[in-house]
Amino acid sequence: MKNLTRQQLYDLLWAKPTRDVAKELGVSDVWIGKVCRRAGIPKPSPGYWQQLASGKAVRKVRLPTALPLHVPNMFVLGAGSRVGYSTYFEWSPPKSDDEPLPPPPEPPVFSEPIDDVRKRAESLVAGLKFTECAAIQHPAIVKLLEGDERRAKRNAGSYWAANGPWFRHPSGQELLKGLNKLFCAWTRLGGEVFVDGIVNQSISVHVLGQRLPLGFVDYRWDGTRIDPRSKPKGKYGLFWGYNYDNRVSPSTLKSYREYDAITTGVLRSLIVESILLAEQDNRSAQQHAFKYVMGCRNDVLHSREQRRLAEIRRREEQIQELKQKRLDLIEVVIARIAKANRLRELVRAFDQTVAQSVALVPGYDPWRKWVTELIEEVDPLRLSAQDISRWVGQFDLES
């Protein structure tokens, strides 16, 4: 995985062909194109590298200033299966205990209070002209209308209004116009609007790297199912969250509110709220990422300490085993000396008895010779210098 800023990816794309950059990042050139469209990064035109190689004059398009709702850093997933934006701290754990532990990252500091973020967001949307957005049909609206066509065909002749199209009645058309203005304004500021699903659709907006789900309720639509305990005070209900079954219980939705009309004031407030929510989510993500890194670092420290203590215990056990081994060696020698002395006493006693005997003791001389040789073998005091060296070596005195 690589953590790239817009400037870094722009520099890569204008330093080598997109195919080479994609290979270096472990993604596809199609994926690179999606990232560039989302982040507002210009790419070299087709034939740029051939013209440059042939010595022809080429024009390098400068990197435009990021739009207000663009995310500053791109979190690039090396597998290339998707593109996402997230907070990431450059910190890697050491591969072994011999490597020094990298210092922790600096904790996130937010110099701008949330109230100042709100004021900045309000200033940003104050100059938006939604009348210009009314003449443009946003791609997300096209998807919603396509979903309405599918809902109409799928539920033709159905007695259940909840299964029918959402926007084919007057209040639905009014809601659709308001959403179109909202989507266009978000896009102009650098946000992205997504409509997921084919029939059961949901809406979300990508603001400052955070994907925020937007739910709506049209109380003038026959298919809207209302909690019996909740009586609407307006024509529309809006909230931040998914609304899969068109059932609304305001008591369970913190951001729920109702409006009689989707005015420009409502649209501005929604954009301001999206900026505040995204900023709060980003700050929470940074704090979480910092805590995660610190947790990883503490895990490394804990693991190292556990291994250190385990090594101390292992060494102590080795020392105890070595001490016991040395004592056993000495005990064996002492036992062999005692055995040799007892054998000598036995031979002396037998010698006296045999000497006092008138008759000869058959086989005594061979037996005495064998015992004498055995004493020489058993008695450590008879060991040669070489044998003593081998015996002393078993004590591992250098350990």
Protein backbone atom coordinates (compact mmCIF):
# COMPACT_ATOMS: atom_id res chain seq x y z
CA MET A 1 0.00 0.00 0.00
CA LYS A 2 1.13 3.50 -0.77
CA ASN A 3 -0.05 6.81 0.63
CA LEU A 4 -0.03 9.40 -2.16
CA THR A 5 -1.06 13.04 -2.28
CA ARG A 6 -2.52 14.60 -5.42
CA GLN A 7 0.82 16.26 -6.10
CA GLN A 8 2.74 12.98 -5.76
CA LEU A 9 0.43 11.09 -8.12
CA TYR A 10 0.48 14.01 -10.57
CA ASP A 11 4.30 14.02 -10.54
CA LEU A 12 4.38 10.26 -11.19
CA LEU A 13 1.96 10.47 -14.11
CA TRP A 14 3.94 13.25 -15.80
CA ALA A 15 7.27 11.50 -15.22
CA LYS A 16 6.41 8.17 -16.86
CA PRO A 17 3.55 6.54 -18.80
CA THR A 18 0.38 5.66 -16.90
CA ARG A 19 0.94 1.96 -17.65
CA ASP A 20 4.29 2.08 -15.84
CA VAL A 21 2.84 4.01 -12.89
CA ALA A 22 0.00 1.50 -12.57
CA LYS A 23 2.47 -1.39 -12.62
CA GLU A 24 4.60 0.31 -9.98
CA LEU A 25 1.57 0.83 -7.72
CA GLY A 26 0.18 -2.64 -8.38
CA VAL A 27 -3.07 -1.37 -9.93
CA SER A 28 -4.58 -1.01 -13.41
CA ASP A 29 -4.37 2.04 -15.66
CA VAL A 30 -8.19 2.13 -15.62
CA TRP A 31 -8.05 2.43 -11.85
CA ILE A 32 -5.52 5.26 -12.20
CA GLY A 33 -7.97 7.04 -14.51
CA LYS A 34 -10.76 6.77 -11.93
CA VAL A 35 -8.52 8.21 -9.21
CA CYS A 36 -7.51 11.09 -11.46
CA ARG A 37 -11.11 11.94 -12.33
CA ARG A 38 -12.12 11.87 -8.68
CA ALA A 39 -9.14 13.87 -7.45
CA GLY A 40 -9.04 16.34 -10.36
CA ILE A 41 -5.59 15.28 -11.59
CA PRO A 42 -4.82 15.91 -15.29
CA LYS A 43 -3.09 13.10 -17.19
CA PRO A 44 -0.88 13.34 -20.30
CA SER A 45 -2.95 13.19 -23.48
CA PRO A 46 -2.74 10.14 -25.80
CA GLY A 47 0.47 10.31 -27.86
CA TYR A 48 2.18 12.59 -25.33
CA TRP A 49 5.07 10.21 -24.67
CA GLN A 50 5.57 9.40 -28.36
CA GLN A 51 5.74 13.11 -29.20
CA LEU A 52 8.14 13.70 -26.32
CA ALA A 53 10.38 10.83 -27.48
CA SER A 54 10.45 12.18 -31.04
CA GLY A 55 11.54 15.60 -29.84
CA LYS A 56 8.27 17.40 -30.57
CA ALA A 57 7.02 20.18 -28.36
CA VAL A 58 4.55 18.97 -25.75
CA ARG A 59 2.44 20.85 -23.21
CA LYS A 60 2.34 19.84 -19.57
CA VAL A 61 -0.98 20.64 -17.93
CA ARG A 62 -0.49 22.09 -14.49
CA LEU A 63 -2.16 20.56 -11.47
CA PRO A 64 -5.24 22.64 -10.63
CA THR A 65 -5.97 23.64 -7.08
CA ALA A 66 -7.99 20.97 -5.31
CA LEU A 67 -11.69 21.70 -5.04
CA PRO A 68 -12.94 22.52 -1.53
CA LEU A 69 -14.49 19.08 -0.95
CA HIS A 70 -11.65 17.07 -2.44
CA VAL A 71 -9.72 14.92 -0.02
CA PRO A 72 -6.09 16.08 0.39
CA ASN A 73 -4.50 12.62 0.61
CA MET A 74 -5.33 9.51 -1.39
CA PHE A 75 -5.02 6.18 0.33
CA VAL A 76 -3.99 3.89 -2.53
CA LEU A 77 -4.75 0.20 -2.16
CA GLY A 78 -2.08 -1.84 -3.89
CA ALA A 79 -4.50 -4.57 -4.98
CA GLY A 80 -6.39 -2.00 -7.03
CA SER A 81 -9.76 -3.57 -6.29
CA ARG A 82 -11.15 -0.24 -5.17
CA VAL A 83 -10.10 3.29 -4.42
CA GLY A 84 -10.64 4.73 -1.00
CA TYR A 85 -9.62 7.67 1.09
CA SER A 86 -8.49 7.29 4.65
CA THR A 87 -6.13 8.47 7.34
CA TYR A 88 -2.83 6.62 7.45
CA PHE A 89 0.23 7.07 9.63
CA GLU A 90 3.60 6.13 8.19
CA TRP A 91 4.77 3.70 10.86
CA SER A 92 6.09 0.18 10.39
CA PRO A 93 6.93 -2.24 13.20
CA PRO A 94 10.51 -3.60 13.31
CA LYS A 95 11.03 -7.01 11.75
CA SER A 96 13.10 -8.29 14.64
CA ASP A 97 14.02 -7.40 18.22
CA ASP A 98 17.45 -6.38 17.01
CA GLU A 99 16.00 -3.43 15.10
CA PRO A 100 15.32 -0.25 17.08
CA LEU A 101 11.68 0.61 17.66
CA PRO A 102 10.64 3.51 15.40
CA PRO A 103 9.42 6.58 17.28
CA PRO A 104 5.64 7.03 17.47
CA PRO A 105 3.92 9.39 15.02
CA GLU A 106 2.89 12.81 16.15
CA PRO A 107 -0.62 12.80 17.60
CA PRO A 108 -3.25 14.56 15.48
CA VAL A 109 -3.71 18.21 16.33
CA PHE A 110 -6.73 20.14 15.09
CA SER A 111 -5.93 23.83 15.13
CA GLU A 112 -9.29 24.83 13.66
CA PRO A 113 -12.24 24.54 16.06
CA ILE A 114 -15.40 22.94 14.73
CA ASP A 115 -17.22 26.26 15.03
CA ASP A 116 -14.67 27.79 12.65
CA VAL A 117 -15.19 24.87 10.27
CA ARG A 118 -18.89 25.63 10.30
CA LYS A 119 -18.29 29.31 9.56
CA ARG A 120 -15.91 28.39 6.72
CA ALA A 121 -18.50 25.97 5.29
CA GLU A 122 -21.25 28.58 5.52
CA SER A 123 -19.03 31.08 3.73
CA LEU A 124 -18.26 28.49 1.06
CA VAL A 125 -21.92 27.77 0.24
CA ALA A 126 -23.13 31.33 0.61
CA GLY A 127 -22.17 32.15 -2.98
CA LEU A 128 -23.63 29.03 -4.58
CA LYS A 129 -26.14 29.74 -7.36
CA PHE A 130 -28.59 26.87 -7.46
CA THR A 131 -30.45 28.33 -10.44
CA GLU A 132 -27.51 27.33 -12.63
CA CYS A 133 -27.80 23.77 -11.37
CA ALA A 134 -31.48 23.58 -12.33
CA ALA A 135 -30.62 23.50 -16.05
CA ILE A 136 -28.27 20.49 -15.66
CA GLN A 137 -29.41 16.93 -15.01
CA HIS A 138 -26.94 15.31 -12.66
CA PRO A 139 -25.83 11.72 -13.48
CA ALA A 140 -27.11 10.60 -10.08
CA ILE A 141 -30.59 11.90 -10.99
CA VAL A 142 -30.41 9.92 -14.23
CA LYS A 143 -29.76 6.77 -12.17
CA LEU A 144 -32.67 7.56 -9.85
CA LEU A 145 -34.99 7.98 -12.85
CA GLU A 146 -33.73 4.73 -14.36
CA GLY A 147 -34.51 3.08 -11.04
CA ASP A 148 -38.00 4.61 -11.17
CA GLU A 149 -38.54 3.04 -14.60
CA ARG A 150 -37.51 -0.35 -13.26
CA ARG A 151 -39.73 0.04 -10.21
CA ALA A 152 -42.66 0.97 -12.46
CA LYS A 153 -42.14 -2.05 -14.76
CA ARG A 154 -41.52 -4.48 -11.94
CA ASN A 155 -44.59 -3.43 -10.00
CA ALA A 156 -47.03 -2.78 -12.84
CA GLY A 157 -50.50 -3.68 -11.61
CA SER A 158 -49.35 -4.05 -8.02
CA TYR A 159 -51.79 -2.99 -5.32
CA TRP A 160 -48.97 -1.97 -3.02
CA ALA A 161 -48.03 1.66 -3.55
CA ALA A 162 -44.81 1.16 -1.58
CA ASN A 163 -43.47 -0.94 -4.46
CA GLY A 164 -44.12 1.68 -7.12
CA PRO A 165 -41.96 4.48 -8.56
CA TRP A 166 -40.84 7.23 -6.21
CA PHE A 167 -40.86 10.36 -8.35
CA ARG A 168 -43.93 10.17 -10.65
CA HIS A 169 -46.17 12.38 -8.55
CA PRO A 170 -45.97 16.19 -8.03
CA SER A 171 -44.18 16.15 -4.66
CA GLY A 172 -41.75 13.53 -5.98
CA GLN A 173 -40.93 15.74 -8.97
CA GLU A 174 -40.36 18.68 -6.63
CA LEU A 175 -38.09 16.53 -4.45
CA LEU A 176 -36.18 15.36 -7.52
CA LYS A 177 -35.56 18.96 -8.63
CA GLY A 178 -34.24 19.82 -5.19
CA LEU A 179 -31.96 16.78 -5.16
CA ASN A 180 -30.67 17.69 -8.62
CA LYS A 181 -29.66 21.16 -7.42
CA LEU A 182 -28.07 19.66 -4.33
CA PHE A 183 -26.11 17.05 -6.30
CA CYS A 184 -24.83 19.59 -8.83
CA ALA A 185 -23.72 21.96 -6.07
CA TRP A 186 -21.89 19.17 -4.28
CA THR A 187 -20.15 18.15 -7.50
CA ARG A 188 -19.06 21.72 -8.28
CA LEU A 189 -17.41 21.88 -4.87
CA GLY A 190 -15.58 18.60 -5.45
CA GLY A 191 -17.97 16.15 -3.83
CA GLU A 192 -19.15 12.92 -5.43
CA VAL A 193 -22.71 11.64 -5.40
CA PHE A 194 -23.39 7.90 -5.60
CA VAL A 195 -26.64 6.09 -6.26
CA ASP A 196 -26.30 2.43 -5.35
CA GLY A 197 -28.73 -0.29 -6.28
CA ILE A 198 -30.89 -0.96 -9.32
CA VAL A 199 -34.42 -1.03 -7.89
CA ASN A 200 -33.98 -0.50 -4.14
CA GLN A 201 -31.68 2.49 -4.42
CA SER A 202 -29.76 4.50 -1.86
CA ILE A 203 -27.95 7.83 -2.07
CA SER A 204 -24.62 8.84 -0.59
CA VAL A 205 -22.20 11.71 -1.07
CA HIS A 206 -18.40 11.61 -0.89
CA VAL A 207 -17.18 14.71 0.97
CA LEU A 208 -13.59 15.26 2.15
CA GLY A 209 -12.92 11.55 1.84
CA GLN A 210 -15.99 10.46 3.83
CA ARG A 211 -18.98 8.73 2.30
CA LEU A 212 -22.16 10.06 3.88
CA PRO A 213 -25.51 8.31 3.25
CA LEU A 214 -28.47 10.63 2.62
CA GLY A 215 -32.02 9.45 3.24
CA PHE A 216 -35.28 11.16 2.32
CA VAL A 217 -39.01 10.68 2.88
CA ASP A 218 -41.78 12.07 0.73
CA TYR A 219 -44.90 12.19 2.92
CA ARG A 220 -47.11 13.08 -0.07
CA TRP A 221 -46.24 9.77 -1.72
CA ASP A 222 -48.76 7.01 -1.14
CA GLY A 223 -45.98 4.47 -0.65
CA THR A 224 -44.46 6.14 2.38
CA ARG A 225 -45.13 4.10 5.50
CA ILE A 226 -45.14 6.22 8.64
CA ASP A 227 -44.74 5.08 12.19
CA PRO A 228 -48.24 5.49 13.69
CA ARG A 229 -46.74 7.31 16.66
CA SER A 230 -45.13 9.92 14.39
CA LYS A 231 -47.18 12.53 12.61
CA PRO A 232 -45.21 14.51 10.00
CA LYS A 233 -45.03 18.26 10.40
CA GLY A 234 -43.70 18.86 6.90
CA LYS A 235 -43.92 17.54 3.37
CA TYR A 236 -40.42 16.02 3.29
CA GLY A 237 -38.20 14.30 5.80
CA LEU A 238 -34.40 14.35 5.35
CA PHE A 239 -31.70 12.68 7.40
CA TRP A 240 -28.15 11.36 7.25
CA GLY A 241 -28.45 7.62 6.94
CA TYR A 242 -29.86 4.88 4.71
CA ASN A 243 -33.60 4.45 4.28
CA TYR A 244 -34.14 1.08 2.63
CA ASP A 245 -37.81 0.51 3.36
CA ASN A 246 -39.23 4.08 3.40
CA ARG A 247 -40.21 3.65 7.03
CA VAL A 248 -39.30 6.57 9.28
CA SER A 249 -39.22 6.75 13.04
CA PRO A 250 -37.85 10.22 13.92
CA SER A 251 -37.05 9.15 17.47
CA THR A 252 -34.35 6.78 16.13
CA LEU A 253 -32.71 9.26 13.74
CA LYS A 254 -30.53 11.94 15.33
CA SER A 255 -30.23 13.99 12.14
CA TYR A 256 -33.85 13.71 11.07
CA ARG A 257 -35.73 16.91 10.20
CA GLU A 258 -38.81 17.86 8.16
CA TYR A 259 -39.40 20.57 5.56
CA ASP A 260 -42.38 21.88 3.64
CA ALA A 261 -40.19 22.65 0.62
CA ILE A 262 -36.65 21.98 -0.59
CA THR A 263 -35.50 25.60 -0.61
CA THR A 264 -32.04 26.98 -1.32
CA GLY A 265 -31.66 27.49 2.43
CA VAL A 266 -32.32 23.80 3.01
CA LEU A 267 -29.80 22.86 0.30
CA ARG A 268 -27.14 25.15 1.77
CA SER A 269 -27.72 23.74 5.24
CA LEU A 270 -27.33 20.17 3.93
CA ILE A 271 -24.01 21.01 2.27
CA VAL A 272 -22.76 22.71 5.43
CA GLU A 273 -23.82 19.70 7.48
CA SER A 274 -22.03 17.33 5.09
CA ILE A 275 -18.80 19.30 5.51
CA LEU A 276 -19.13 19.28 9.30
CA LEU A 277 -19.95 15.55 9.40
CA ALA A 278 -17.04 14.73 7.09
CA GLU A 279 -14.66 16.88 9.13
CA GLN A 280 -15.78 15.20 12.34
CA ASP A 281 -15.43 11.76 10.75
CA ASN A 282 -11.96 12.66 9.46
CA ARG A 283 -10.86 13.85 12.87
CA SER A 284 -12.27 10.73 14.46
CA ALA A 285 -10.50 8.63 11.81
CA GLN A 286 -7.19 10.39 12.50
CA GLN A 287 -7.58 9.82 16.23
CA HIS A 288 -8.50 6.20 15.61
CA ALA A 289 -5.54 5.73 13.24
CA PHE A 290 -3.20 7.27 15.82
CA LYS A 291 -4.59 5.05 18.57
CA TYR A 292 -4.22 2.05 16.26
CA VAL A 293 -0.56 2.82 15.57
CA MET A 294 0.11 3.44 19.24
CA GLY A 295 -1.65 0.16 20.03
CA CYS A 296 0.58 -1.63 17.50
CA ARG A 297 3.63 0.04 19.00
CA ASN A 298 2.58 -0.94 22.52
CA ASP A 299 1.98 -4.50 21.29
CA VAL A 300 5.55 -4.57 19.96
CA LEU A 301 6.87 -3.27 23.28
CA HIS A 302 4.75 -5.77 25.20
CA SER A 303 5.86 -8.64 22.96
CA ARG A 304 9.50 -7.63 23.34
CA GLU A 305 9.13 -7.47 27.12
CA GLN A 306 7.42 -10.85 27.17
CA ARG A 307 10.21 -12.34 25.07
CA ARG A 308 12.82 -10.70 27.31
CA LEU A 309 11.22 -12.15 30.43
CA ALA A 310 10.83 -15.53 28.73
CA GLU A 311 14.52 -15.45 27.81
CA ILE A 312 15.42 -14.63 31.42
CA ARG A 313 13.30 -17.53 32.64
CA ARG A 314 14.81 -19.84 30.01
CA ARG A 315 18.31 -18.77 31.01
CA GLU A 316 17.55 -19.33 34.69
CA GLU A 317 16.22 -22.78 33.90
CA GLN A 318 19.35 -23.52 31.88
CA ILE A 319 21.53 -22.41 34.77
CA GLN A 320 19.61 -24.59 37.20
CA GLU A 321 19.85 -27.54 34.82
CA LEU A 322 23.58 -26.94 34.41
CA LYS A 323 24.07 -26.75 38.18
CA GLN A 324 22.17 -29.99 38.64
CA LYS A 325 24.18 -31.62 35.85
CA ARG A 326 27.45 -30.62 37.55
CA LEU A 327 26.23 -31.91 40.92
CA ASP A 328 25.20 -35.17 39.29
CA LEU A 329 28.65 -35.54 37.73
CA ILE A 330 30.29 -35.02 41.13
CA GLU A 331 27.85 -37.39 42.82
CA VAL A 332 28.72 -40.06 40.25
CA VAL A 333 32.47 -39.58 40.88
CA ILE A 334 31.99 -39.73 44.65
CA ALA A 335 29.92 -42.89 44.26
CA ARG A 336 32.59 -44.47 42.03
CA ILE A 337 35.35 -43.59 44.54
CA ALA A 338 33.31 -45.19 47.32
CA LYS A 339 32.69 -48.23 45.16
CA ALA A 340 36.42 -48.57 44.35
CA ASN A 341 37.31 -48.26 48.05
CA ARG A 342 34.77 -50.94 49.01
CA LEU A 343 36.18 -53.23 46.33
CA ARG A 344 39.72 -52.69 47.71
CA GLU A 345 38.50 -53.50 51.21
CA LEU A 346 36.84 -56.62 49.84
CA VAL A 347 40.07 -57.73 48.11
CA ARG A 348 42.12 -57.11 51.30
CA ALA A 349 39.67 -59.11 53.36
CA PHE A 350 39.70 -61.98 50.87
CA ASP A 351 43.53 -61.87 50.70
CA GLN A 352 43.75 -62.28 54.48
CA THR A 353 41.31 -65.21 54.46
CA VAL A 354 43.05 -66.93 51.54
CA ALA A 355 46.48 -66.42 53.17
CA GLN A 356 45.30 -68.07 56.39
CA SER A 357 43.76 -70.98 54.51
CA VAL A 358 45.76 -74.26 54.30
CA ALA A 359 44.02 -75.37 51.10
CA LEU A 360 44.21 -73.44 47.88
CA VAL A 361 41.12 -71.48 46.72
CA PRO A 362 40.51 -72.50 43.11
CA GLY A 363 40.01 -69.53 40.71
CA TYR A 364 40.87 -66.91 43.28
CA ASP A 365 43.83 -65.45 41.40
CA PRO A 366 41.87 -64.81 38.16
CA TRP A 367 39.03 -63.30 40.17
CA ARG A 368 41.44 -61.05 42.08
CA LYS A 369 43.02 -59.94 38.81
CA TRP A 370 39.60 -59.12 37.35
CA VAL A 371 38.53 -57.14 40.45
CA THR A 372 41.81 -55.24 40.49
CA GLU A 373 41.29 -54.25 36.84
CA LEU A 374 37.72 -53.26 37.65
CA ILE A 375 38.95 -51.02 40.48
CA GLU A 376 41.29 -49.31 38.03
CA GLU A 377 38.36 -48.69 35.70
CA VAL A 378 35.90 -47.57 38.40
CA ASP A 379 38.17 -45.38 40.51
CA PRO A 380 38.18 -41.78 39.17
CA LEU A 381 41.38 -41.18 41.07
CA ARG A 382 43.08 -43.43 38.51
CA LEU A 383 41.92 -41.38 35.51
CA SER A 384 44.49 -40.13 33.06
CA ALA A 385 44.92 -36.43 32.29
CA GLN A 386 43.04 -36.92 29.00
CA ASP A 387 40.14 -38.65 30.77
CA ILE A 388 40.04 -35.94 33.42
CA SER A 389 39.93 -33.30 30.65
CA ARG A 390 36.95 -35.01 29.03
CA TRP A 391 35.19 -35.29 32.37
CA VAL A 392 35.80 -31.64 33.28
CA GLY A 393 34.54 -30.64 29.83
CA GLN A 394 31.09 -32.00 30.75
CA PHE A 395 30.76 -29.20 33.33
CA ASP A 396 30.37 -26.55 30.56
CA LEU A 397 32.34 -24.08 32.65
CA GLU A 398 32.40 -21.54 29.79
CA SER A 399 28.59 -21.31 29.65
